[in-house]
Amino acid sequence: QVQLAESGGGSVQAGDSLRLSCAASGRTFSSYTMGWFRQAPGKEREFVAAISWKTYYADSVKGRFTISRDNAKNTVYLQMNSLKPEDTADYYCALSRTGHPNYNAWGQGAQVTVSS
């Protein structure tokens, strides 16, 4: 079973940048669609970005966040620039065997806090 482990969360000021990483176990990482989701306190989990042979972004992060992957390292990244307080959330890495938006495995989450 594939396991996902996020890293890179933290507390920053508005306007700062952070990069989240998600390392995946398994031998067929390159064939999976990988996604990032987030859940803010008291809110439902929402889609942020995904990458297969193309990339997908939520409107709220388009132009500020960039998803990328390094298949040799079994790792997907989320570069977050121009962070806003409303980006504060727990960020989750997810894996899809069949393609966006159907995800089969989830990481434990990485906390991101953006203060004004």
PDB file of N, CA and C in Angstrom:
ATOM      1  N   GLN A   1       0.846  -1.186   0.000  1.00  0.00           N
ATOM      2  CA  GLN A   1       0.000   0.000   0.000  1.00  0.00           C
ATOM      3  C   GLN A   1       0.884   1.240   0.000  1.00  0.00           C
ATOM      4  N   VAL A   2       0.528   2.182  -0.845  1.00  0.00           N
ATOM      5  CA  VAL A   2       1.313   3.404  -0.949  1.00  0.00           C
ATOM      6  C   VAL A   2       1.139   4.253   0.301  1.00  0.00           C
ATOM      7  N   GLN A   3       2.230   4.801   0.784  1.00  0.00           N
ATOM      8  CA  GLN A   3       2.180   5.717   1.924  1.00  0.00           C
ATOM      9  C   GLN A   3       2.712   7.076   1.478  1.00  0.00           C
ATOM     10  N   LEU A   4       2.074   8.121   2.010  1.00  0.00           N
ATOM     11  CA  LEU A   4       2.424   9.489   1.665  1.00  0.00           C
ATOM     12  C   LEU A   4       2.834  10.235   2.920  1.00  0.00           C
ATOM     13  N   ALA A   5       3.893  11.036   2.818  1.00  0.00           N
ATOM     14  CA  ALA A   5       4.373  11.787   3.972  1.00  0.00           C
ATOM     15  C   ALA A   5       4.689  13.215   3.560  1.00  0.00           C
ATOM     16  N   GLU A   6       3.926  14.157   4.127  1.00  0.00           N
ATOM     17  CA  GLU A   6       4.131  15.566   3.834  1.00  0.00           C
ATOM     18  C   GLU A   6       5.200  16.173   4.746  1.00  0.00           C
ATOM     19  N   SER A   7       5.848  17.215   4.256  1.00  0.00           N
ATOM     20  CA  SER A   7       6.795  17.978   5.061  1.00  0.00           C
ATOM     21  C   SER A   7       6.852  19.402   4.514  1.00  0.00           C
ATOM     22  N   GLY A   8       7.382  20.310   5.341  1.00  0.00           N
ATOM     23  CA  GLY A   8       7.588  21.672   4.876  1.00  0.00           C
ATOM     24  C   GLY A   8       6.598  22.697   5.369  1.00  0.00           C
ATOM     25  N   GLY A   9       5.639  22.283   6.187  1.00  0.00           N
ATOM     26  CA  GLY A   9       4.699  23.252   6.726  1.00  0.00           C
ATOM     27  C   GLY A   9       5.371  24.170   7.733  1.00  0.00           C
ATOM     28  N   GLY A  10       4.642  25.180   8.153  1.00  0.00           N
ATOM     29  CA  GLY A  10       5.191  26.097   9.139  1.00  0.00           C
ATOM     30  C   GLY A  10       4.349  27.341   9.286  1.00  0.00           C
ATOM     31  N   SER A  11       4.884  28.301  10.027  1.00  0.00           N
ATOM     32  CA  SER A  11       4.212  29.573  10.264  1.00  0.00           C
ATOM     33  C   SER A  11       4.991  30.682   9.569  1.00  0.00           C
ATOM     34  N   VAL A  12       4.272  31.477   8.768  1.00  0.00           N
ATOM     35  CA  VAL A  12       4.923  32.547   8.009  1.00  0.00           C
ATOM     36  C   VAL A  12       4.052  33.797   8.064  1.00  0.00           C
ATOM     37  N   GLN A  13       4.604  34.880   7.555  1.00  0.00           N
ATOM     38  CA  GLN A  13       3.876  36.134   7.439  1.00  0.00           C
ATOM     39  C   GLN A  13       3.220  36.215   6.059  1.00  0.00           C
ATOM     40  N   ALA A  14       2.178  36.996   5.983  1.00  0.00           N
ATOM     41  CA  ALA A  14       1.532  37.231   4.690  1.00  0.00           C
ATOM     42  C   ALA A  14       2.558  37.765   3.688  1.00  0.00           C
ATOM     43  N   GLY A  15       2.497  37.217   2.477  1.00  0.00           N
ATOM     44  CA  GLY A  15       3.437  37.609   1.440  1.00  0.00           C
ATOM     45  C   GLY A  15       4.646  36.696   1.329  1.00  0.00           C
ATOM     46  N   ASP A  16       4.863  35.878   2.343  1.00  0.00           N
ATOM     47  CA  ASP A  16       5.997  34.949   2.332  1.00  0.00           C
ATOM     48  C   ASP A  16       5.694  33.741   1.445  1.00  0.00           C
ATOM     49  N   SER A  17       6.694  32.874   1.328  1.00  0.00           N
ATOM     50  CA  SER A  17       6.587  31.651   0.538  1.00  0.00           C
ATOM     51  C   SER A  17       6.902  30.436   1.396  1.00  0.00           C
ATOM     52  N   LEU A  18       6.341  29.310   0.997  1.00  0.00           N
ATOM     53  CA  LEU A  18       6.638  28.015   1.597  1.00  0.00           C
ATOM     54  C   LEU A  18       6.599  26.978   0.499  1.00  0.00           C
ATOM     55  N   ARG A  19       7.354  25.917   0.676  1.00  0.00           N
ATOM     56  CA  ARG A  19       7.257  24.789  -0.240  1.00  0.00           C
ATOM     57  C   ARG A  19       6.957  23.529   0.551  1.00  0.00           C
ATOM     58  N   LEU A  20       5.855  22.894   0.206  1.00  0.00           N
ATOM     59  CA  LEU A  20       5.491  21.615   0.783  1.00  0.00           C
ATOM     60  C   LEU A  20       6.027  20.498  -0.097  1.00  0.00           C
ATOM     61  N   SER A  21       6.423  19.417   0.553  1.00  0.00           N
ATOM     62  CA  SER A  21       6.869  18.230  -0.155  1.00  0.00           C
ATOM     63  C   SER A  21       6.028  17.045   0.295  1.00  0.00           C
ATOM     64  N   CYS A  22       5.868  16.089  -0.589  1.00  0.00           N
ATOM     65  CA  CYS A  22       5.148  14.856  -0.255  1.00  0.00           C
ATOM     66  C   CYS A  22       5.914  13.703  -0.882  1.00  0.00           C
ATOM     67  N   ALA A  23       6.458  12.862  -0.028  1.00  0.00           N
ATOM     68  CA  ALA A  23       7.191  11.696  -0.488  1.00  0.00           C
ATOM     69  C   ALA A  23       6.280  10.480  -0.474  1.00  0.00           C
ATOM     70  N   ALA A  24       6.316   9.715  -1.551  1.00  0.00           N
ATOM     71  CA  ALA A  24       5.459   8.548  -1.687  1.00  0.00           C
ATOM     72  C   ALA A  24       6.295   7.281  -1.754  1.00  0.00           C
ATOM     73  N   SER A  25       5.786   6.240  -1.131  1.00  0.00           N
ATOM     74  CA  SER A  25       6.417   4.923  -1.261  1.00  0.00           C
ATOM     75  C   SER A  25       5.880   4.275  -2.529  1.00  0.00           C
ATOM     76  N   GLY A  26       6.474   3.178  -2.950  1.00  0.00           N
ATOM     77  CA  GLY A  26       5.945   2.473  -4.113  1.00  0.00           C
ATOM     78  C   GLY A  26       6.787   2.648  -5.349  1.00  0.00           C
ATOM     79  N   ARG A  27       6.565   1.776  -6.310  1.00  0.00           N
ATOM     80  CA  ARG A  27       7.420   1.721  -7.487  1.00  0.00           C
ATOM     81  C   ARG A  27       6.837   2.384  -8.716  1.00  0.00           C
ATOM     82  N   THR A  28       5.552   2.711  -8.685  1.00  0.00           N
ATOM     83  CA  THR A  28       4.899   3.216  -9.887  1.00  0.00           C
ATOM     84  C   THR A  28       4.411   4.641  -9.704  1.00  0.00           C
ATOM     85  N   PHE A  29       5.171   5.421  -8.951  1.00  0.00           N
ATOM     86  CA  PHE A  29       4.772   6.799  -8.631  1.00  0.00           C
ATOM     87  C   PHE A  29       4.480   7.598  -9.880  1.00  0.00           C
ATOM     88  N   SER A  30       5.282   7.429 -10.910  1.00  0.00           N
ATOM     89  CA  SER A  30       5.136   8.265 -12.096  1.00  0.00           C
ATOM     90  C   SER A  30       3.802   8.071 -12.795  1.00  0.00           C
ATOM     91  N   SER A  31       3.139   6.973 -12.562  1.00  0.00           N
ATOM     92  CA  SER A  31       1.871   6.710 -13.227  1.00  0.00           C
ATOM     93  C   SER A  31       0.668   7.292 -12.483  1.00  0.00           C
ATOM     94  N   TYR A  32       0.897   7.805 -11.285  1.00  0.00           N
ATOM     95  CA  TYR A  32      -0.204   8.317 -10.470  1.00  0.00           C
ATOM     96  C   TYR A  32      -0.421   9.807 -10.688  1.00  0.00           C
ATOM     97  N   THR A  33      -1.667  10.201 -10.577  1.00  0.00           N
ATOM     98  CA  THR A  33      -1.983  11.617 -10.434  1.00  0.00           C
ATOM     99  C   THR A  33      -1.819  11.977  -8.958  1.00  0.00           C
ATOM    100  N   MET A  34      -1.149  13.085  -8.704  1.00  0.00           N
ATOM    101  CA  MET A  34      -0.920  13.535  -7.327  1.00  0.00           C
ATOM    102  C   MET A  34      -1.624  14.861  -7.107  1.00  0.00           C
ATOM    103  N   GLY A  35      -2.179  15.007  -5.926  1.00  0.00           N
ATOM    104  CA  GLY A  35      -2.910  16.231  -5.640  1.00  0.00           C
ATOM    105  C   GLY A  35      -2.592  16.791  -4.266  1.00  0.00           C
ATOM    106  N   TRP A  36      -2.934  18.047  -4.108  1.00  0.00           N
ATOM    107  CA  TRP A  36      -2.870  18.718  -2.814  1.00  0.00           C
ATOM    108  C   TRP A  36      -4.255  19.248  -2.476  1.00  0.00           C
ATOM    109  N   PHE A  37      -4.644  19.031  -1.241  1.00  0.00           N
ATOM    110  CA  PHE A  37      -5.902  19.540  -0.709  1.00  0.00           C
ATOM    111  C   PHE A  37      -5.586  20.281   0.583  1.00  0.00           C
ATOM    112  N   ARG A  38      -6.553  21.054   1.052  1.00  0.00           N
ATOM    113  CA  ARG A  38      -6.356  21.727   2.341  1.00  0.00           C
ATOM    114  C   ARG A  38      -7.677  21.805   3.087  1.00  0.00           C
ATOM    115  N   GLN A  39      -7.544  21.890   4.397  1.00  0.00           N
ATOM    116  CA  GLN A  39      -8.724  22.021   5.245  1.00  0.00           C
ATOM    117  C   GLN A  39      -8.427  23.050   6.316  1.00  0.00           C
ATOM    118  N   ALA A  40      -9.175  24.132   6.289  1.00  0.00           N
ATOM    119  CA  ALA A  40      -9.043  25.174   7.296  1.00  0.00           C
ATOM    120  C   ALA A  40      -9.944  24.846   8.485  1.00  0.00           C
ATOM    121  N   PRO A  41      -9.638  25.374   9.648  1.00  0.00           N
ATOM    122  CA  PRO A  41     -10.458  25.097  10.832  1.00  0.00           C
ATOM    123  C   PRO A  41     -11.922  25.440  10.591  1.00  0.00           C
ATOM    124  N   GLY A  42     -12.791  24.487  10.871  1.00  0.00           N
ATOM    125  CA  GLY A  42     -14.218  24.710  10.727  1.00  0.00           C
ATOM    126  C   GLY A  42     -14.742  24.666   9.307  1.00  0.00           C
ATOM    127  N   LYS A  43     -13.874  24.311   8.368  1.00  0.00           N
ATOM    128  CA  LYS A  43     -14.296  24.273   6.961  1.00  0.00           C
ATOM    129  C   LYS A  43     -14.077  22.886   6.374  1.00  0.00           C
ATOM    130  N   GLU A  44     -14.718  22.639   5.237  1.00  0.00           N
ATOM    131  CA  GLU A  44     -14.537  21.369   4.566  1.00  0.00           C
ATOM    132  C   GLU A  44     -13.206  21.350   3.800  1.00  0.00           C
ATOM    133  N   ARG A  45     -12.732  20.155   3.565  1.00  0.00           N
ATOM    134  CA  ARG A  45     -11.521  20.006   2.771  1.00  0.00           C
ATOM    135  C   ARG A  45     -11.773  20.483   1.342  1.00  0.00           C
ATOM    136  N   GLU A  46     -10.803  21.185   0.784  1.00  0.00           N
ATOM    137  CA  GLU A  46     -10.968  21.704  -0.572  1.00  0.00           C
ATOM    138  C   GLU A  46      -9.746  21.370  -1.421  1.00  0.00           C
ATOM    139  N   PHE A  47      -9.989  21.248  -2.700  1.00  0.00           N
ATOM    140  CA  PHE A  47      -8.942  20.971  -3.665  1.00  0.00           C
ATOM    141  C   PHE A  47      -8.047  22.190  -3.828  1.00  0.00           C
ATOM    142  N   VAL A  48      -6.741  21.948  -3.969  1.00  0.00           N
ATOM    143  CA  VAL A  48      -5.789  23.036  -4.197  1.00  0.00           C
ATOM    144  C   VAL A  48      -5.139  22.909  -5.569  1.00  0.00           C
ATOM    145  N   ALA A  49      -4.523  21.747  -5.828  1.00  0.00           N
ATOM    146  CA  ALA A  49      -3.811  21.562  -7.093  1.00  0.00           C
ATOM    147  C   ALA A  49      -3.598  20.082  -7.344  1.00  0.00           C
ATOM    148  N   ALA A  50      -3.392  19.728  -8.599  1.00  0.00           N
ATOM    149  CA  ALA A  50      -3.104  18.342  -8.972  1.00  0.00           C
ATOM    150  C   ALA A  50      -2.198  18.324 -10.182  1.00  0.00           C
ATOM    151  N   ILE A  51      -1.508  17.190 -10.332  1.00  0.00           N
ATOM    152  CA  ILE A  51      -0.599  17.054 -11.463  1.00  0.00           C
ATOM    153  C   ILE A  51      -0.628  15.620 -11.971  1.00  0.00           C
ATOM    154  N   SER A  52      -0.835  15.511 -13.269  1.00  0.00           N
ATOM    155  CA  SER A  52      -0.705  14.224 -13.947  1.00  0.00           C
ATOM    156  C   SER A  52       0.234  14.497 -15.129  1.00  0.00           C
ATOM    157  N   TRP A  53      -0.292  14.453 -16.318  1.00  0.00           N
ATOM    158  CA  TRP A  53       0.458  14.934 -17.480  1.00  0.00           C
ATOM    159  C   TRP A  53       0.161  16.410 -17.700  1.00  0.00           C
ATOM    160  N   LYS A  54      -0.816  16.919 -16.909  1.00  0.00           N
ATOM    161  CA  LYS A  54      -1.136  18.332 -16.900  1.00  0.00           C
ATOM    162  C   LYS A  54      -1.348  18.761 -15.459  1.00  0.00           C
ATOM    163  N   THR A  55      -1.502  20.039 -15.268  1.00  0.00           N
ATOM    164  CA  THR A  55      -1.733  20.541 -13.917  1.00  0.00           C
ATOM    165  C   THR A  55      -3.116  21.157 -13.795  1.00  0.00           C
ATOM    166  N   TYR A  56      -3.637  21.115 -12.589  1.00  0.00           N
ATOM    167  CA  TYR A  56      -4.933  21.672 -12.268  1.00  0.00           C
ATOM    168  C   TYR A  56      -4.766  22.530 -11.014  1.00  0.00           C
ATOM    169  N   TYR A  57      -5.480  23.649 -10.992  1.00  0.00           N
ATOM    170  CA  TYR A  57      -5.409  24.538  -9.831  1.00  0.00           C
ATOM    171  C   TYR A  57      -6.788  25.046  -9.453  1.00  0.00           C
ATOM    172  N   ALA A  58      -6.975  25.220  -8.153  1.00  0.00           N
ATOM    173  CA  ALA A  58      -8.164  25.935  -7.695  1.00  0.00           C
ATOM    174  C   ALA A  58      -7.992  27.411  -8.048  1.00  0.00           C
ATOM    175  N   ASP A  59      -9.095  28.067  -8.320  1.00  0.00           N
ATOM    176  CA  ASP A  59      -9.035  29.484  -8.688  1.00  0.00           C
ATOM    177  C   ASP A  59      -8.372  30.317  -7.601  1.00  0.00           C
ATOM    178  N   SER A  60      -8.575  29.929  -6.348  1.00  0.00           N
ATOM    179  CA  SER A  60      -8.070  30.713  -5.224  1.00  0.00           C
ATOM    180  C   SER A  60      -6.548  30.724  -5.126  1.00  0.00           C
ATOM    181  N   VAL A  61      -5.882  29.788  -5.791  1.00  0.00           N
ATOM    182  CA  VAL A  61      -4.420  29.708  -5.693  1.00  0.00           C
ATOM    183  C   VAL A  61      -3.735  29.896  -7.041  1.00  0.00           C
ATOM    184  N   LYS A  62      -4.507  29.970  -8.100  1.00  0.00           N
ATOM    185  CA  LYS A  62      -3.939  30.085  -9.433  1.00  0.00           C
ATOM    186  C   LYS A  62      -3.078  31.337  -9.526  1.00  0.00           C
ATOM    187  N   GLY A  63      -1.868  31.168 -10.046  1.00  0.00           N
ATOM    188  CA  GLY A  63      -0.943  32.291 -10.165  1.00  0.00           C
ATOM    189  C   GLY A  63      -0.049  32.482  -8.949  1.00  0.00           C
ATOM    190  N   ARG A  64      -0.397  31.837  -7.837  1.00  0.00           N
ATOM    191  CA  ARG A  64       0.420  31.953  -6.612  1.00  0.00           C
ATOM    192  C   ARG A  64       1.080  30.638  -6.230  1.00  0.00           C
ATOM    193  N   PHE A  65       0.386  29.525  -6.472  1.00  0.00           N
ATOM    194  CA  PHE A  65       0.889  28.204  -6.115  1.00  0.00           C
ATOM    195  C   PHE A  65       1.303  27.460  -7.385  1.00  0.00           C
ATOM    196  N   THR A  66       2.329  26.626  -7.239  1.00  0.00           N
ATOM    197  CA  THR A  66       2.784  25.795  -8.347  1.00  0.00           C
ATOM    198  C   THR A  66       3.003  24.374  -7.859  1.00  0.00           C
ATOM    199  N   ILE A  67       2.369  23.424  -8.532  1.00  0.00           N
ATOM    200  CA  ILE A  67       2.574  22.017  -8.209  1.00  0.00           C
ATOM    201  C   ILE A  67       3.581  21.442  -9.201  1.00  0.00           C
ATOM    202  N   SER A  68       4.466  20.596  -8.684  1.00  0.00           N
ATOM    203  CA  SER A  68       5.451  19.952  -9.542  1.00  0.00           C
ATOM    204  C   SER A  68       5.780  18.591  -8.946  1.00  0.00           C
ATOM    205  N   ARG A  69       6.492  17.784  -9.720  1.00  0.00           N
ATOM    206  CA  ARG A  69       6.841  16.454  -9.239  1.00  0.00           C
ATOM    207  C   ARG A  69       8.217  16.064  -9.729  1.00  0.00           C
ATOM    208  N   ASP A  70       8.865  15.225  -8.933  1.00  0.00           N
ATOM    209  CA  ASP A  70      10.140  14.629  -9.311  1.00  0.00           C
ATOM    210  C   ASP A  70       9.947  13.121  -9.219  1.00  0.00           C
ATOM    211  N   ASN A  71       9.706  12.496 -10.343  1.00  0.00           N
ATOM    212  CA  ASN A  71       9.403  11.066 -10.335  1.00  0.00           C
ATOM    213  C   ASN A  71      10.595  10.232  -9.884  1.00  0.00           C
ATOM    214  N   ALA A  72      11.805  10.716 -10.089  1.00  0.00           N
ATOM    215  CA  ALA A  72      12.985   9.976  -9.640  1.00  0.00           C
ATOM    216  C   ALA A  72      13.055   9.926  -8.120  1.00  0.00           C
ATOM    217  N   LYS A  73      12.465  10.919  -7.471  1.00  0.00           N
ATOM    218  CA  LYS A  73      12.474  10.971  -6.009  1.00  0.00           C
ATOM    219  C   LYS A  73      11.124  10.583  -5.408  1.00  0.00           C
ATOM    220  N   ASN A  74      10.168  10.190  -6.254  1.00  0.00           N
ATOM    221  CA  ASN A  74       8.824   9.846  -5.764  1.00  0.00           C
ATOM    222  C   ASN A  74       8.249  10.966  -4.905  1.00  0.00           C
ATOM    223  N   THR A  75       8.405  12.182  -5.358  1.00  0.00           N
ATOM    224  CA  THR A  75       8.018  13.331  -4.551  1.00  0.00           C
ATOM    225  C   THR A  75       7.228  14.338  -5.384  1.00  0.00           C
ATOM    226  N   VAL A  76       6.205  14.888  -4.764  1.00  0.00           N
ATOM    227  CA  VAL A  76       5.434  15.976  -5.364  1.00  0.00           C
ATOM    228  C   VAL A  76       5.587  17.196  -4.462  1.00  0.00           C
ATOM    229  N   TYR A  77       5.624  18.358  -5.080  1.00  0.00           N
ATOM    230  CA  TYR A  77       5.855  19.602  -4.355  1.00  0.00           C
ATOM    231  C   TYR A  77       4.699  20.577  -4.559  1.00  0.00           C
ATOM    232  N   LEU A  78       4.535  21.453  -3.599  1.00  0.00           N
ATOM    233  CA  LEU A  78       3.611  22.567  -3.755  1.00  0.00           C
ATOM    234  C   LEU A  78       4.355  23.829  -3.329  1.00  0.00           C
ATOM    235  N   GLN A  79       4.748  24.621  -4.304  1.00  0.00           N
ATOM    236  CA  GLN A  79       5.387  25.900  -4.028  1.00  0.00           C
ATOM    237  C   GLN A  79       4.303  26.945  -3.841  1.00  0.00           C
ATOM    238  N   MET A  80       4.296  27.562  -2.683  1.00  0.00           N
ATOM    239  CA  MET A  80       3.258  28.522  -2.334  1.00  0.00           C
ATOM    240  C   MET A  80       3.902  29.893  -2.163  1.00  0.00           C
ATOM    241  N   ASN A  81       3.545  30.808  -3.032  1.00  0.00           N
ATOM    242  CA  ASN A  81       4.077  32.178  -2.985  1.00  0.00           C
ATOM    243  C   ASN A  81       2.953  33.155  -2.643  1.00  0.00           C
ATOM    244  N   SER A  82       3.347  34.336  -2.237  1.00  0.00           N
ATOM    245  CA  SER A  82       2.382  35.393  -1.913  1.00  0.00           C
ATOM    246  C   SER A  82       1.284  34.871  -0.995  1.00  0.00           C
ATOM    247  N   LEU A  83       1.693  34.204   0.057  1.00  0.00           N
ATOM    248  CA  LEU A  83       0.718  33.578   0.960  1.00  0.00           C
ATOM    249  C   LEU A  83      -0.155  34.619   1.643  1.00  0.00           C
ATOM    250  N   LYS A  84      -1.401  34.224   1.860  1.00  0.00           N
ATOM    251  CA  LYS A  84      -2.389  35.078   2.488  1.00  0.00           C
ATOM    252  C   LYS A  84      -2.904  34.404   3.763  1.00  0.00           C
ATOM    253  N   PRO A  85      -3.422  35.172   4.699  1.00  0.00           N
ATOM    254  CA  PRO A  85      -3.977  34.538   5.911  1.00  0.00           C
ATOM    255  C   PRO A  85      -5.041  33.494   5.594  1.00  0.00           C
ATOM    256  N   GLU A  86      -5.785  33.683   4.525  1.00  0.00           N
ATOM    257  CA  GLU A  86      -6.824  32.710   4.176  1.00  0.00           C
ATOM    258  C   GLU A  86      -6.251  31.413   3.617  1.00  0.00           C
ATOM    259  N   ASP A  87      -4.945  31.342   3.411  1.00  0.00           N
ATOM    260  CA  ASP A  87      -4.301  30.090   3.024  1.00  0.00           C
ATOM    261  C   ASP A  87      -4.008  29.211   4.242  1.00  0.00           C
ATOM    262  N   THR A  88      -4.230  29.733   5.425  1.00  0.00           N
ATOM    263  CA  THR A  88      -4.007  28.958   6.642  1.00  0.00           C
ATOM    264  C   THR A  88      -4.879  27.713   6.654  1.00  0.00           C
ATOM    265  N   ALA A  89      -4.250  26.548   6.798  1.00  0.00           N
ATOM    266  CA  ALA A  89      -4.985  25.278   6.752  1.00  0.00           C
ATOM    267  C   ALA A  89      -4.009  24.135   6.989  1.00  0.00           C
ATOM    268  N   ASP A  90      -4.575  22.965   7.166  1.00  0.00           N
ATOM    269  CA  ASP A  90      -3.801  21.731   7.086  1.00  0.00           C
ATOM    270  C   ASP A  90      -3.800  21.299   5.625  1.00  0.00           C
ATOM    271  N   TYR A  91      -2.610  21.043   5.088  1.00  0.00           N
ATOM    272  CA  TYR A  91      -2.468  20.668   3.687  1.00  0.00           C
ATOM    273  C   TYR A  91      -2.192  19.174   3.581  1.00  0.00           C
ATOM    274  N   TYR A  92      -2.941  18.525   2.705  1.00  0.00           N
ATOM    275  CA  TYR A  92      -2.851  17.086   2.543  1.00  0.00           C
ATOM    276  C   TYR A  92      -2.437  16.721   1.130  1.00  0.00           C
ATOM    277  N   CYS A  93      -1.520  15.795   1.058  1.00  0.00           N
ATOM    278  CA  CYS A  93      -1.109  15.215  -0.210  1.00  0.00           C
ATOM    279  C   CYS A  93      -2.026  14.022  -0.490  1.00  0.00           C
ATOM    280  N   ALA A  94      -2.357  13.812  -1.754  1.00  0.00           N
ATOM    281  CA  ALA A  94      -3.228  12.708  -2.128  1.00  0.00           C
ATOM    282  C   ALA A  94      -2.763  12.074  -3.427  1.00  0.00           C
ATOM    283  N   LEU A  95      -3.095  10.808  -3.570  1.00  0.00           N
ATOM    284  CA  LEU A  95      -2.690  10.035  -4.746  1.00  0.00           C
ATOM    285  C   LEU A  95      -3.919   9.461  -5.429  1.00  0.00           C
ATOM    286  N   SER A  96      -3.910   9.496  -6.751  1.00  0.00           N
ATOM    287  CA  SER A  96      -5.000   8.916  -7.518  1.00  0.00           C
ATOM    288  C   SER A  96      -4.454   7.915  -8.522  1.00  0.00           C
ATOM    289  N   ARG A  97      -5.033   6.719  -8.509  1.00  0.00           N
ATOM    290  CA  ARG A  97      -4.645   5.700  -9.477  1.00  0.00           C
ATOM    291  C   ARG A  97      -5.432   5.828 -10.782  1.00  0.00           C
ATOM    292  N   THR A  98      -6.564   6.508 -10.706  1.00  0.00           N
ATOM    293  CA  THR A  98      -7.440   6.583 -11.871  1.00  0.00           C
ATOM    294  C   THR A  98      -7.552   7.983 -12.450  1.00  0.00           C
ATOM    295  N   GLY A  99      -6.966   8.965 -11.779  1.00  0.00           N
ATOM    296  CA  GLY A  99      -6.984  10.324 -12.300  1.00  0.00           C
ATOM    297  C   GLY A  99      -7.839  11.262 -11.473  1.00  0.00           C
ATOM    298  N   HIS A 100      -7.513  12.544 -11.586  1.00  0.00           N
ATOM    299  CA  HIS A 100      -8.261  13.588 -10.898  1.00  0.00           C
ATOM    300  C   HIS A 100      -9.710  13.544 -11.375  1.00  0.00           C
ATOM    301  N   PRO A 101     -10.685  13.612 -10.458  1.00  0.00           N
ATOM    302  CA  PRO A 101     -10.623  13.976  -9.040  1.00  0.00           C
ATOM    303  C   PRO A 101     -10.820  12.815  -8.073  1.00  0.00           C
ATOM    304  N   ASN A 102     -10.470  11.608  -8.482  1.00  0.00           N
ATOM    305  CA  ASN A 102     -10.693  10.440  -7.620  1.00  0.00           C
ATOM    306  C   ASN A 102      -9.392  10.025  -6.934  1.00  0.00           C
ATOM    307  N   TYR A 103      -9.304  10.243  -5.624  1.00  0.00           N
ATOM    308  CA  TYR A 103      -8.072  10.008  -4.878  1.00  0.00           C
ATOM    309  C   TYR A 103      -8.221   8.815  -3.940  1.00  0.00           C
ATOM    310  N   ASN A 104      -7.171   8.002  -3.874  1.00  0.00           N
ATOM    311  CA  ASN A 104      -7.207   6.714  -3.187  1.00  0.00           C
ATOM    312  C   ASN A 104      -6.398   6.675  -1.904  1.00  0.00           C
ATOM    313  N   ALA A 105      -5.424   7.560  -1.761  1.00  0.00           N
ATOM    314  CA  ALA A 105      -4.555   7.532  -0.582  1.00  0.00           C
ATOM    315  C   ALA A 105      -4.249   8.955  -0.162  1.00  0.00           C
ATOM    316  N   TRP A 106      -4.080   9.134   1.140  1.00  0.00           N
ATOM    317  CA  TRP A 106      -3.904  10.461   1.706  1.00  0.00           C
ATOM    318  C   TRP A 106      -2.746  10.457   2.705  1.00  0.00           C
ATOM    319  N   GLY A 107      -2.067  11.587   2.774  1.00  0.00           N
ATOM    320  CA  GLY A 107      -1.050  11.766   3.799  1.00  0.00           C
ATOM    321  C   GLY A 107      -1.667  12.235   5.104  1.00  0.00           C
ATOM    322  N   GLN A 108      -0.807  12.455   6.086  1.00  0.00           N
ATOM    323  CA  GLN A 108      -1.265  12.857   7.413  1.00  0.00           C
ATOM    324  C   GLN A 108      -1.481  14.364   7.535  1.00  0.00           C
ATOM    325  N   GLY A 109      -0.946  15.117   6.629  1.00  0.00           N
ATOM    326  CA  GLY A 109      -1.164  16.556   6.639  1.00  0.00           C
ATOM    327  C   GLY A 109       0.018  17.342   7.154  1.00  0.00           C
ATOM    328  N   ALA A 110       0.123  18.567   6.672  1.00  0.00           N
ATOM    329  CA  ALA A 110       1.146  19.509   7.127  1.00  0.00           C
ATOM    330  C   ALA A 110       0.455  20.842   7.401  1.00  0.00           C
ATOM    331  N   GLN A 111       0.733  21.396   8.560  1.00  0.00           N
ATOM    332  CA  GLN A 111       0.048  22.624   8.953  1.00  0.00           C
ATOM    333  C   GLN A 111       0.756  23.846   8.380  1.00  0.00           C
ATOM    334  N   VAL A 112      -0.037  24.725   7.811  1.00  0.00           N
ATOM    335  CA  VAL A 112       0.470  26.001   7.296  1.00  0.00           C
ATOM    336  C   VAL A 112      -0.325  27.123   7.958  1.00  0.00           C
ATOM    337  N   THR A 113       0.388  28.027   8.593  1.00  0.00           N
ATOM    338  CA  THR A 113      -0.242  29.165   9.250  1.00  0.00           C
ATOM    339  C   THR A 113       0.334  30.452   8.675  1.00  0.00           C
ATOM    340  N   VAL A 114      -0.548  31.316   8.191  1.00  0.00           N
ATOM    341  CA  VAL A 114      -0.120  32.589   7.603  1.00  0.00           C
ATOM    342  C   VAL A 114      -0.723  33.714   8.431  1.00  0.00           C
ATOM    343  N   SER A 115       0.122  34.515   9.006  1.00  0.00           N
ATOM    344  CA  SER A 115      -0.363  35.624   9.835  1.00  0.00           C
ATOM    345  C   SER A 115      -0.213  36.949   9.090  1.00  0.00           C
ATOM    346  N   SER A 116      -1.102  37.852   9.420  1.00  0.00           N
ATOM    347  CA  SER A 116      -1.111  39.152   8.723  1.00  0.00           C
ATOM    348  C   SER A 116      -0.205  40.156   9.402  1.00  0.00           C
TER     349      SER A 116
END
